[in-house]
Protein backbone atom coordinates (compact mmCIF):
# COMPACT_ATOMS: atom_id res chain seq x y z
CA UNK A 1 49.17 30.87 26.11
CA UNK A 2 46.04 29.83 27.89
CA UNK A 3 45.20 27.29 30.55
CA UNK A 4 42.23 24.94 30.75
CA UNK A 5 41.26 23.64 34.18
CA UNK A 6 39.60 20.26 33.95
CA UNK A 7 37.00 18.71 36.26
CA UNK A 8 39.42 15.99 37.37
CA UNK A 9 41.75 18.64 38.83
CA UNK A 10 44.32 18.59 36.06
CA UNK A 11 45.13 21.50 33.81
CA UNK A 12 46.42 21.87 30.31
CA UNK A 13 48.22 24.73 28.59
CA UNK A 14 47.29 25.65 25.01
CA UNK A 15 48.29 28.24 22.43
CA UNK A 16 45.67 30.94 22.03
CA UNK A 17 44.68 31.74 18.50
CA UNK A 18 43.16 35.19 18.26
CA UNK A 19 42.16 36.74 14.98
CA UNK A 20 41.68 40.43 15.69
CA UNK A 21 40.21 41.17 12.26
CA UNK A 22 37.62 38.42 12.66
CA UNK A 23 36.75 39.69 16.14
CA UNK A 24 36.29 43.26 14.84
CA UNK A 25 34.16 42.00 11.96
CA UNK A 26 31.92 40.11 14.39
CA UNK A 27 31.65 43.13 16.69
CA UNK A 28 30.62 45.40 13.82
CA UNK A 29 28.10 42.87 12.54
CA UNK A 30 26.58 42.50 16.00
CA UNK A 31 26.42 46.29 16.42
CA UNK A 32 24.77 46.80 13.01
CA UNK A 33 22.12 44.18 13.68
CA UNK A 34 21.33 45.71 17.08
CA UNK A 35 21.11 49.22 15.61
CA UNK A 36 18.64 47.94 13.03
CA UNK A 37 16.45 46.55 15.82
CA UNK A 38 16.65 49.85 17.74
CA UNK A 39 15.62 51.81 14.65
CA UNK A 40 12.67 49.45 14.16
CA UNK A 41 11.64 49.99 17.80
CA UNK A 42 11.97 53.76 17.44
CA UNK A 43 9.86 53.81 14.27
CA UNK A 44 7.23 51.63 15.94
CA UNK A 45 7.08 53.98 18.94
CA UNK A 46 6.86 57.00 16.65
CA UNK A 47 4.06 55.47 14.58
CA UNK A 48 2.07 54.59 17.70
CA UNK A 49 2.39 58.16 19.00
CA UNK A 50 1.37 59.63 15.66
CA UNK A 51 -1.68 57.38 15.49
CA UNK A 52 -2.61 58.26 19.07
CA UNK A 53 -2.48 61.98 18.24
CA UNK A 54 -4.19 61.89 14.84
CA UNK A 55 -7.42 63.15 16.40
CA UNK A 56 -5.75 66.48 17.22
CA UNK A 57 -5.41 67.40 13.54
CA UNK A 58 -8.88 66.63 12.25
CA UNK A 59 -11.29 69.29 11.06
CA UNK A 60 -13.52 68.44 14.01
CA UNK A 61 -10.70 68.73 16.55
CA UNK A 62 -11.77 70.57 19.71
CA UNK A 63 -8.59 72.67 19.70
CA UNK A 64 -8.16 76.28 18.69
CA UNK A 65 -5.58 76.99 15.99
CA UNK A 66 -2.79 77.84 18.46
CA UNK A 67 -3.23 74.56 20.38
CA UNK A 68 -3.52 72.67 17.11
CA UNK A 69 -0.20 74.23 16.00
CA UNK A 70 1.48 72.91 19.18
CA UNK A 71 0.31 69.41 18.29
CA UNK A 72 1.48 69.86 14.69
CA UNK A 73 4.93 70.83 15.97
CA UNK A 74 5.02 67.80 18.27
CA UNK A 75 3.98 65.49 15.44
CA UNK A 76 6.68 66.93 13.17
CA UNK A 77 9.30 66.25 15.85
CA UNK A 78 8.01 62.68 16.15
CA UNK A 79 8.36 62.19 12.40
CA UNK A 80 11.93 63.49 12.55
CA UNK A 81 13.07 61.13 15.33
CA UNK A 82 14.61 58.42 13.09
CA UNK A 83 16.61 61.07 11.20
CA UNK A 84 17.88 62.76 14.36
CA UNK A 85 21.66 62.71 14.83
CA UNK A 86 21.27 60.86 18.13
CA UNK A 87 18.88 58.20 16.85
CA UNK A 88 18.08 55.49 17.67
CA UNK A 89 19.10 55.29 21.34
CA UNK A 90 21.39 58.16 22.28
CA UNK A 91 18.84 60.92 22.75
CA UNK A 92 19.34 63.39 25.56
CA UNK A 93 16.28 64.19 27.62
CA UNK A 94 16.27 67.69 26.15
CA UNK A 95 16.12 66.24 22.60
CA UNK A 96 12.99 64.17 23.19
CA UNK A 97 9.70 65.69 21.96
CA UNK A 98 7.00 66.07 24.59
CA UNK A 99 3.35 66.21 23.67
CA UNK A 100 1.59 69.43 24.63
CA UNK A 101 0.76 69.19 28.31
CA UNK A 102 3.37 66.51 29.06
CA UNK A 103 5.89 67.39 31.73
CA UNK A 104 8.09 64.31 31.54
CA UNK A 105 9.16 61.68 29.05
CA UNK A 106 6.77 58.71 28.97
CA UNK A 107 8.08 55.47 30.47
CA UNK A 108 7.85 53.64 27.15
CA UNK A 109 10.21 56.20 25.56
CA UNK A 110 12.95 55.98 28.20
CA UNK A 111 14.62 53.13 26.33
CA UNK A 112 15.73 55.58 23.65
CA UNK A 113 17.54 57.91 26.06
CA UNK A 114 21.28 57.84 26.49
CA UNK A 115 20.85 58.21 30.26
CA UNK A 116 19.07 54.84 30.37
CA UNK A 117 21.64 52.93 28.36
CA UNK A 118 22.37 49.42 29.56
CA UNK A 119 25.73 48.60 27.97
CA UNK A 120 25.92 45.17 29.60
CA UNK A 121 22.38 44.25 28.59
CA UNK A 122 21.64 42.86 32.03
CA UNK A 123 19.37 45.53 33.48
CA UNK A 124 21.63 46.34 36.40
CA UNK A 125 25.26 46.29 37.34
CA UNK A 126 24.81 46.76 41.08
CA UNK A 127 26.04 43.24 41.79
CA UNK A 128 29.42 43.83 40.12
CA UNK A 129 32.19 43.91 42.69
CA UNK A 130 30.17 42.38 45.52
CA UNK A 131 32.38 39.83 47.20
CA UNK A 132 35.26 40.35 44.80
């Protein structure tokens, strides 16, 4: 049973009709469409980073072979991101590839880390419970 409260101050009881299978189907569909978007975002990020580091692999690159190898390793890890077991948005900080010389994960990559997950999709939950 459910109750509807009307603007005029009256209320009305009604029988709730809940189709659990339909609800699960909708939840899965929503999840699958969101995962697809996250994979697209991850691939876009990866492609941008690969393009930005292409210059490190050219014949005229200023790097010695050992430094060039570090960049090759980084670029390989970037290519492997979409196939990683924690893709597209459950990466641990230790799983994320850092470019040679980087000491922290770039701000534009934080969205793919599990530690930055926003399950409510509202950016913050600090207001929850205030005044309740």
